[in-house]
Amino acid sequence: MYKGLSVTVVIPCLNEEEGIQSVLNARPEWVDQVIVVDNGSTDRTAEVAESLGAHVVQESLRGYGSAYKRGFATATTDIICCLDGDHTYPIADLGRLIDVFLHYDVDFLSACRFPILNQEAMSFKHWIGNKILSFAMAILFVYPIEDSQSGMWVFRRSILSKIKLTSNGMPFSEEIKIEVLKHPDLRFKEEHIKYSARQGEIKLQPYRDGIRNIMFLFKKRFFG
């Protein structure tokens, strides 16, 4: 419980045995529920997460969006906080982010990774790809977003009934932000964070995932 609000952290994982331990060890004590969504791991991710007190749920349909939708369906608290299991996002900073979230009275807070302070945290091609995708989203949806691909968010669980989430893959990160921005009654804000180098294997395929994300943006803009 944080300032009268119950809080769930949802973490999608695919072979994050190394990173998930660091993430869970750094979580604030006031977090009420930690849901780790195991998306078909072949290592000890689930075992490590359970040993550290997380509630592990399985999602057999592979994909970033699939994992998150399973986690959201399991969460029961007022606030949902999302981040990756590779220790790139600062789970220890959740209190500050929720403070910003409450101060500005928004429904969805997205953590912005730019400018990248740790040069080892993101390669140049990933940086360029993120900038292109964020620019495309800003133009298509007429909103000056800095980091459309961020995977760390804080939002009210109640908004899930007001938005439509269809993507099962990486474009889910764009879609959840777009759905909030499109909704006339929901308020959106970005807040800067310190982004770190990941622990464990890099799974992002920049060219493939970048093309899929840009195609999804156009499809979402012109076909809903």
C-alpha atoms as a PDB file:
ATOM      1  CA  MET A   1       0.000   0.000   0.000  1.00  0.00           C
ATOM      2  CA  TYR A   2       1.357   3.413  -0.984  1.00  0.00           C
ATOM      3  CA  LYS A   3      -0.402   6.571   0.226  1.00  0.00           C
ATOM      4  CA  GLY A   4      -3.677   4.723   0.570  1.00  0.00           C
ATOM      5  CA  LEU A   5      -3.481   2.940  -2.789  1.00  0.00           C
ATOM      6  CA  SER A   6      -2.826  -0.766  -3.290  1.00  0.00           C
ATOM      7  CA  VAL A   7      -0.084  -1.485  -5.845  1.00  0.00           C
ATOM      8  CA  THR A   8       0.705  -4.401  -8.159  1.00  0.00           C
ATOM      9  CA  VAL A   9       3.908  -4.724 -10.170  1.00  0.00           C
ATOM     10  CA  VAL A  10       3.516  -6.763 -13.378  1.00  0.00           C
ATOM     11  CA  ILE A  11       6.677  -8.129 -14.997  1.00  0.00           C
ATOM     12  CA  PRO A  12       6.638 -10.127 -18.266  1.00  0.00           C
ATOM     13  CA  CYS A  13       9.543 -12.566 -18.483  1.00  0.00           C
ATOM     14  CA  LEU A  14      11.169 -14.841 -21.038  1.00  0.00           C
ATOM     15  CA  ASN A  15      14.381 -16.407 -19.754  1.00  0.00           C
ATOM     16  CA  GLU A  16      15.208 -13.642 -17.285  1.00  0.00           C
ATOM     17  CA  GLU A  17      16.687 -15.809 -14.538  1.00  0.00           C
ATOM     18  CA  GLU A  18      19.560 -13.390 -14.011  1.00  0.00           C
ATOM     19  CA  GLY A  19      17.703 -10.104 -14.204  1.00  0.00           C
ATOM     20  CA  ILE A  20      14.533 -11.013 -12.299  1.00  0.00           C
ATOM     21  CA  GLN A  21      16.491 -11.681  -9.127  1.00  0.00           C
ATOM     22  CA  SER A  22      17.970  -8.171  -9.200  1.00  0.00           C
ATOM     23  CA  VAL A  23      14.569  -6.642  -9.976  1.00  0.00           C
ATOM     24  CA  LEU A  24      12.707  -8.402  -7.178  1.00  0.00           C
ATOM     25  CA  ASN A  25      15.435  -7.769  -4.624  1.00  0.00           C
ATOM     26  CA  ALA A  26      15.139  -4.029  -5.321  1.00  0.00           C
ATOM     27  CA  ARG A  27      11.333  -3.763  -5.088  1.00  0.00           C
ATOM     28  CA  PRO A  28       9.941  -1.449  -2.423  1.00  0.00           C
ATOM     29  CA  GLU A  29       8.481  -3.134   0.652  1.00  0.00           C
ATOM     30  CA  TRP A  30       5.112  -1.407   0.224  1.00  0.00           C
ATOM     31  CA  VAL A  31       4.308  -3.177  -3.065  1.00  0.00           C
ATOM     32  CA  ASP A  32       1.255  -5.332  -2.346  1.00  0.00           C
ATOM     33  CA  GLN A  33       1.511  -7.806  -5.225  1.00  0.00           C
ATOM     34  CA  VAL A  34       4.213  -8.801  -7.711  1.00  0.00           C
ATOM     35  CA  ILE A  35       3.029 -10.761 -10.734  1.00  0.00           C
ATOM     36  CA  VAL A  36       5.705 -12.352 -12.906  1.00  0.00           C
ATOM     37  CA  VAL A  37       4.278 -13.616 -16.191  1.00  0.00           C
ATOM     38  CA  ASP A  38       6.412 -16.495 -17.436  1.00  0.00           C
ATOM     39  CA  ASN A  39       6.067 -16.477 -21.219  1.00  0.00           C
ATOM     40  CA  GLY A  40       7.611 -19.869 -21.923  1.00  0.00           C
ATOM     41  CA  SER A  41      10.981 -19.613 -20.190  1.00  0.00           C
ATOM     42  CA  THR A  42      13.352 -22.565 -20.418  1.00  0.00           C
ATOM     43  CA  ASP A  43      15.596 -21.394 -17.577  1.00  0.00           C
ATOM     44  CA  ARG A  44      14.887 -20.943 -13.840  1.00  0.00           C
ATOM     45  CA  THR A  45      13.000 -17.637 -14.171  1.00  0.00           C
ATOM     46  CA  ALA A  46       9.771 -18.946 -12.594  1.00  0.00           C
ATOM     47  CA  GLU A  47      11.568 -20.791  -9.810  1.00  0.00           C
ATOM     48  CA  VAL A  48      13.699 -17.759  -8.890  1.00  0.00           C
ATOM     49  CA  ALA A  49      10.704 -15.410  -8.976  1.00  0.00           C
ATOM     50  CA  GLU A  50       8.618 -17.673  -6.740  1.00  0.00           C
ATOM     51  CA  SER A  51      11.482 -18.053  -4.269  1.00  0.00           C
ATOM     52  CA  LEU A  52      11.567 -14.271  -3.919  1.00  0.00           C
ATOM     53  CA  GLY A  53       7.859 -13.953  -3.205  1.00  0.00           C
ATOM     54  CA  ALA A  54       6.408 -13.201  -6.638  1.00  0.00           C
ATOM     55  CA  HIS A  55       3.149 -14.697  -7.861  1.00  0.00           C
ATOM     56  CA  VAL A  56       4.104 -16.475 -11.091  1.00  0.00           C
ATOM     57  CA  VAL A  57       1.486 -17.018 -13.795  1.00  0.00           C
ATOM     58  CA  GLN A  58       2.073 -18.835 -17.062  1.00  0.00           C
ATOM     59  CA  GLU A  59       1.190 -17.499 -20.513  1.00  0.00           C
ATOM     60  CA  SER A  60       1.688 -20.048 -23.274  1.00  0.00           C
ATOM     61  CA  LEU A  61       0.966 -17.648 -26.159  1.00  0.00           C
ATOM     62  CA  ARG A  62       4.370 -16.142 -26.825  1.00  0.00           C
ATOM     63  CA  GLY A  63       4.543 -12.372 -27.014  1.00  0.00           C
ATOM     64  CA  TYR A  64       5.092  -9.187 -25.012  1.00  0.00           C
ATOM     65  CA  GLY A  65       1.454  -8.151 -25.300  1.00  0.00           C
ATOM     66  CA  SER A  66       0.156 -11.624 -24.486  1.00  0.00           C
ATOM     67  CA  ALA A  67       2.201 -11.687 -21.298  1.00  0.00           C
ATOM     68  CA  TYR A  68       0.982  -8.290 -20.194  1.00  0.00           C
ATOM     69  CA  LYS A  69      -2.661  -9.061 -20.854  1.00  0.00           C
ATOM     70  CA  ARG A  70      -2.354 -12.178 -18.683  1.00  0.00           C
ATOM     71  CA  GLY A  71      -0.741 -10.125 -15.933  1.00  0.00           C
ATOM     72  CA  PHE A  72      -3.391  -7.409 -16.081  1.00  0.00           C
ATOM     73  CA  ALA A  73      -6.154 -10.004 -15.805  1.00  0.00           C
ATOM     74  CA  THR A  74      -4.520 -11.319 -12.629  1.00  0.00           C
ATOM     75  CA  ALA A  75      -3.928  -7.952 -10.906  1.00  0.00           C
ATOM     76  CA  THR A  76      -6.441  -6.862  -8.254  1.00  0.00           C
ATOM     77  CA  THR A  77      -5.070  -3.562  -6.897  1.00  0.00           C
ATOM     78  CA  ASP A  78      -5.786   0.143  -7.452  1.00  0.00           C
ATOM     79  CA  ILE A  79      -2.520   0.847  -9.282  1.00  0.00           C
ATOM     80  CA  ILE A  80      -0.566  -1.301 -11.749  1.00  0.00           C
ATOM     81  CA  CYS A  81       3.132  -0.672 -12.330  1.00  0.00           C
ATOM     82  CA  CYS A  82       4.870  -2.336 -15.271  1.00  0.00           C
ATOM     83  CA  LEU A  83       8.511  -2.924 -16.123  1.00  0.00           C
ATOM     84  CA  ASP A  84      10.790  -5.519 -17.703  1.00  0.00           C
ATOM     85  CA  GLY A  85      12.494  -8.380 -15.910  1.00  0.00           C
ATOM     86  CA  ASP A  86      15.995  -7.555 -17.163  1.00  0.00           C
ATOM     87  CA  HIS A  87      16.804  -4.844 -14.571  1.00  0.00           C
ATOM     88  CA  THR A  88      16.899  -2.025 -17.136  1.00  0.00           C
ATOM     89  CA  TYR A  89      14.096  -0.060 -15.455  1.00  0.00           C
ATOM     90  CA  PRO A  90      14.467   1.311 -11.885  1.00  0.00           C
ATOM     91  CA  ILE A  91      11.934  -0.547  -9.742  1.00  0.00           C
ATOM     92  CA  ALA A  92      13.393   1.168  -6.678  1.00  0.00           C
ATOM     93  CA  ASP A  93      12.190   4.476  -8.178  1.00  0.00           C
ATOM     94  CA  LEU A  94       8.518   3.465  -8.138  1.00  0.00           C
ATOM     95  CA  GLY A  95       7.725   5.658  -5.154  1.00  0.00           C
ATOM     96  CA  ARG A  96       8.918   8.786  -6.947  1.00  0.00           C
ATOM     97  CA  LEU A  97       6.991   7.843 -10.085  1.00  0.00           C
ATOM     98  CA  ILE A  98       3.781   7.273  -8.153  1.00  0.00           C
ATOM     99  CA  ASP A  99       4.320  10.621  -6.415  1.00  0.00           C
ATOM    100  CA  VAL A 100       4.502  12.299  -9.835  1.00  0.00           C
ATOM    101  CA  PHE A 101       1.494  10.295 -10.990  1.00  0.00           C
ATOM    102  CA  LEU A 102      -0.548  11.511  -8.017  1.00  0.00           C
ATOM    103  CA  HIS A 103       0.732  15.085  -8.080  1.00  0.00           C
ATOM    104  CA  TYR A 104      -0.362  15.601 -11.684  1.00  0.00           C
ATOM    105  CA  ASP A 105      -3.545  13.568 -11.153  1.00  0.00           C
ATOM    106  CA  VAL A 106      -3.075  11.513 -14.324  1.00  0.00           C
ATOM    107  CA  ASP A 107      -4.394   8.100 -15.288  1.00  0.00           C
ATOM    108  CA  PHE A 108      -1.274   6.828 -17.035  1.00  0.00           C
ATOM    109  CA  LEU A 109       2.375   7.740 -16.421  1.00  0.00           C
ATOM    110  CA  SER A 110       4.986   6.516 -18.899  1.00  0.00           C
ATOM    111  CA  ALA A 111       8.654   6.474 -17.923  1.00  0.00           C
ATOM    112  CA  CYS A 112      10.868   8.230 -20.474  1.00  0.00           C
ATOM    113  CA  ARG A 113      14.390   6.835 -20.922  1.00  0.00           C
ATOM    114  CA  PHE A 114      15.790   9.830 -22.800  1.00  0.00           C
ATOM    115  CA  PRO A 115      18.305  11.280 -22.632  1.00  0.00           C
ATOM    116  CA  ILE A 116      20.195   8.016 -22.066  1.00  0.00           C
ATOM    117  CA  LEU A 117      22.637   8.706 -19.221  1.00  0.00           C
ATOM    118  CA  ASN A 118      24.295   5.267 -19.309  1.00  0.00           C
ATOM    119  CA  GLN A 119      25.682   4.814 -22.822  1.00  0.00           C
ATOM    120  CA  GLU A 120      25.887   1.036 -22.319  1.00  0.00           C
ATOM    121  CA  ALA A 121      22.130   0.827 -21.764  1.00  0.00           C
ATOM    122  CA  MET A 122      21.078   1.301 -25.402  1.00  0.00           C
ATOM    123  CA  SER A 123      22.980   0.794 -28.660  1.00  0.00           C
ATOM    124  CA  PHE A 124      23.032   3.548 -31.284  1.00  0.00           C
ATOM    125  CA  LYS A 125      20.797   1.585 -33.677  1.00  0.00           C
ATOM    126  CA  HIS A 126      18.249   1.029 -30.905  1.00  0.00           C
ATOM    127  CA  TRP A 127      18.434   4.727 -30.034  1.00  0.00           C
ATOM    128  CA  ILE A 128      17.814   5.711 -33.660  1.00  0.00           C
ATOM    129  CA  GLY A 129      14.972   3.208 -33.965  1.00  0.00           C
ATOM    130  CA  ASN A 130      13.292   4.534 -30.845  1.00  0.00           C
ATOM    131  CA  LYS A 131      13.571   8.107 -32.055  1.00  0.00           C
ATOM    132  CA  ILE A 132      12.062   7.238 -35.445  1.00  0.00           C
ATOM    133  CA  LEU A 133       9.168   5.336 -33.879  1.00  0.00           C
ATOM    134  CA  SER A 134       8.486   8.064 -31.329  1.00  0.00           C
ATOM    135  CA  PHE A 135       8.518  10.712 -34.056  1.00  0.00           C
ATOM    136  CA  ALA A 136       6.144   8.649 -36.193  1.00  0.00           C
ATOM    137  CA  MET A 137       3.754   8.163 -33.293  1.00  0.00           C
ATOM    138  CA  ALA A 138       3.883  11.866 -32.416  1.00  0.00           C
ATOM    139  CA  ILE A 139       2.988  12.830 -36.004  1.00  0.00           C
ATOM    140  CA  LEU A 140       0.315  10.182 -36.541  1.00  0.00           C
ATOM    141  CA  PHE A 141      -1.455  10.751 -33.228  1.00  0.00           C
ATOM    142  CA  VAL A 142      -0.687  14.464 -32.819  1.00  0.00           C
ATOM    143  CA  TYR A 143       0.968  14.178 -29.414  1.00  0.00           C
ATOM    144  CA  PRO A 144       4.578  15.155 -28.587  1.00  0.00           C
ATOM    145  CA  ILE A 145       5.681  11.879 -27.013  1.00  0.00           C
ATOM    146  CA  GLU A 146       9.389  11.416 -26.265  1.00  0.00           C
ATOM    147  CA  ASP A 147       9.587   7.663 -25.728  1.00  0.00           C
ATOM    148  CA  SER A 148       6.858   5.661 -27.430  1.00  0.00           C
ATOM    149  CA  GLN A 149       8.671   2.371 -26.779  1.00  0.00           C
ATOM    150  CA  SER A 150       9.116   2.710 -23.023  1.00  0.00           C
ATOM    151  CA  GLY A 151       8.205  -0.426 -21.090  1.00  0.00           C
ATOM    152  CA  MET A 152       7.776   1.128 -17.645  1.00  0.00           C
ATOM    153  CA  TRP A 153       4.339   2.518 -16.795  1.00  0.00           C
ATOM    154  CA  VAL A 154       2.165   3.416 -13.822  1.00  0.00           C
ATOM    155  CA  PHE A 155      -1.600   3.485 -14.325  1.00  0.00           C
ATOM    156  CA  ARG A 156      -4.944   3.084 -12.618  1.00  0.00           C
ATOM    157  CA  ARG A 157      -6.252  -0.463 -13.061  1.00  0.00           C
ATOM    158  CA  SER A 158      -9.723   0.974 -13.683  1.00  0.00           C
ATOM    159  CA  ILE A 159      -8.671   2.337 -17.104  1.00  0.00           C
ATOM    160  CA  LEU A 160      -8.399  -1.189 -18.518  1.00  0.00           C
ATOM    161  CA  SER A 161     -12.165  -1.262 -18.986  1.00  0.00           C
ATOM    162  CA  LYS A 162     -11.964   1.915 -21.081  1.00  0.00           C
ATOM    163  CA  ILE A 163      -9.272   0.942 -23.571  1.00  0.00           C
ATOM    164  CA  LYS A 164      -8.939  -1.769 -26.218  1.00  0.00           C
ATOM    165  CA  LEU A 165      -5.668  -3.715 -26.265  1.00  0.00           C
ATOM    166  CA  THR A 166      -5.271  -6.037 -29.254  1.00  0.00           C
ATOM    167  CA  SER A 167      -1.533  -6.502 -29.856  1.00  0.00           C
ATOM    168  CA  ASN A 168       0.092  -9.691 -28.616  1.00  0.00           C
ATOM    169  CA  GLY A 169       3.616  -8.606 -29.545  1.00  0.00           C
ATOM    170  CA  MET A 170       6.062  -5.728 -29.093  1.00  0.00           C
ATOM    171  CA  PRO A 171       3.658  -3.078 -30.499  1.00  0.00           C
ATOM    172  CA  PHE A 172       1.672  -3.494 -27.272  1.00  0.00           C
ATOM    173  CA  SER A 173       3.938  -0.856 -25.722  1.00  0.00           C
ATOM    174  CA  GLU A 174       2.794   1.658 -28.333  1.00  0.00           C
ATOM    175  CA  GLU A 175      -0.812   0.534 -28.255  1.00  0.00           C
ATOM    176  CA  ILE A 176      -1.447   1.017 -24.549  1.00  0.00           C
ATOM    177  CA  LYS A 177      -0.156   4.600 -24.771  1.00  0.00           C
ATOM    178  CA  ILE A 178      -2.146   5.325 -27.931  1.00  0.00           C
ATOM    179  CA  GLU A 179      -5.341   4.015 -26.355  1.00  0.00           C
ATOM    180  CA  VAL A 180      -4.894   6.325 -23.372  1.00  0.00           C
ATOM    181  CA  LEU A 181      -4.044   9.317 -25.561  1.00  0.00           C
ATOM    182  CA  LYS A 182      -7.095   8.720 -27.759  1.00  0.00           C
ATOM    183  CA  HIS A 183      -9.528   8.493 -24.862  1.00  0.00           C
ATOM    184  CA  PRO A 184     -11.132  11.870 -24.067  1.00  0.00           C
ATOM    185  CA  ASP A 185     -11.405  11.171 -20.341  1.00  0.00           C
ATOM    186  CA  LEU A 186      -7.915   9.788 -19.671  1.00  0.00           C
ATOM    187  CA  ARG A 187      -4.865  11.855 -18.788  1.00  0.00           C
ATOM    188  CA  PHE A 188      -1.321  10.946 -19.864  1.00  0.00           C
ATOM    189  CA  LYS A 189       2.113  12.128 -18.764  1.00  0.00           C
ATOM    190  CA  GLU A 190       5.763  11.173 -19.281  1.00  0.00           C
ATOM    191  CA  GLU A 191       8.399  11.307 -16.548  1.00  0.00           C
ATOM    192  CA  HIS A 192      12.153  10.820 -16.967  1.00  0.00           C
ATOM    193  CA  ILE A 193      13.982   7.892 -15.388  1.00  0.00           C
ATOM    194  CA  LYS A 194      17.501   6.481 -15.322  1.00  0.00           C
ATOM    195  CA  TYR A 195      17.745   3.553 -17.754  1.00  0.00           C
ATOM    196  CA  SER A 196      20.350   0.831 -17.124  1.00  0.00           C
ATOM    197  CA  ALA A 197      22.150  -1.846 -19.123  1.00  0.00           C
ATOM    198  CA  ARG A 198      20.172  -5.090 -19.179  1.00  0.00           C
ATOM    199  CA  GLN A 199      21.156  -8.279 -17.411  1.00  0.00           C
ATOM    200  CA  GLY A 200      20.955 -11.422 -19.519  1.00  0.00           C
ATOM    201  CA  GLU A 201      20.394 -12.133 -23.198  1.00  0.00           C
ATOM    202  CA  ILE A 202      19.158  -9.380 -25.539  1.00  0.00           C
ATOM    203  CA  LYS A 203      15.989 -10.569 -27.275  1.00  0.00           C
ATOM    204  CA  LEU A 204      14.970  -7.448 -29.190  1.00  0.00           C
ATOM    205  CA  GLN A 205      15.511  -7.740 -32.943  1.00  0.00           C
ATOM    206  CA  PRO A 206      15.689  -4.077 -33.971  1.00  0.00           C
ATOM    207  CA  TYR A 207      14.987  -4.346 -37.715  1.00  0.00           C
ATOM    208  CA  ARG A 208      12.203  -6.920 -37.490  1.00  0.00           C
ATOM    209  CA  ASP A 209      10.595  -5.364 -34.421  1.00  0.00           C
ATOM    210  CA  GLY A 210      11.042  -1.851 -35.765  1.00  0.00           C
ATOM    211  CA  ILE A 211       9.225  -2.671 -39.001  1.00  0.00           C
ATOM    212  CA  ARG A 212       6.424  -4.406 -37.121  1.00  0.00           C
ATOM    213  CA  ASN A 213       6.050  -1.422 -34.793  1.00  0.00           C
ATOM    214  CA  ILE A 214       5.911   1.161 -37.578  1.00  0.00           C
ATOM    215  CA  MET A 215       3.369  -0.946 -39.496  1.00  0.00           C
ATOM    216  CA  PHE A 216       1.283  -1.250 -36.367  1.00  0.00           C
ATOM    217  CA  LEU A 217       1.303   2.536 -35.892  1.00  0.00           C
ATOM    218  CA  PHE A 218      -0.105   3.115 -39.380  1.00  0.00           C
ATOM    219  CA  LYS A 219      -2.668   0.347 -38.959  1.00  0.00           C
ATOM    220  CA  LYS A 220      -3.763   1.736 -35.603  1.00  0.00           C
ATOM    221  CA  ARG A 221      -4.012   5.269 -36.964  1.00  0.00           C
ATOM    222  CA  PHE A 222      -5.982   4.543 -40.123  1.00  0.00           C
ATOM    223  CA  PHE A 223      -7.886   1.380 -39.266  1.00  0.00           C
ATOM    224  CA  GLY A 224      -8.398   1.745 -35.526  1.00  0.00           C
END
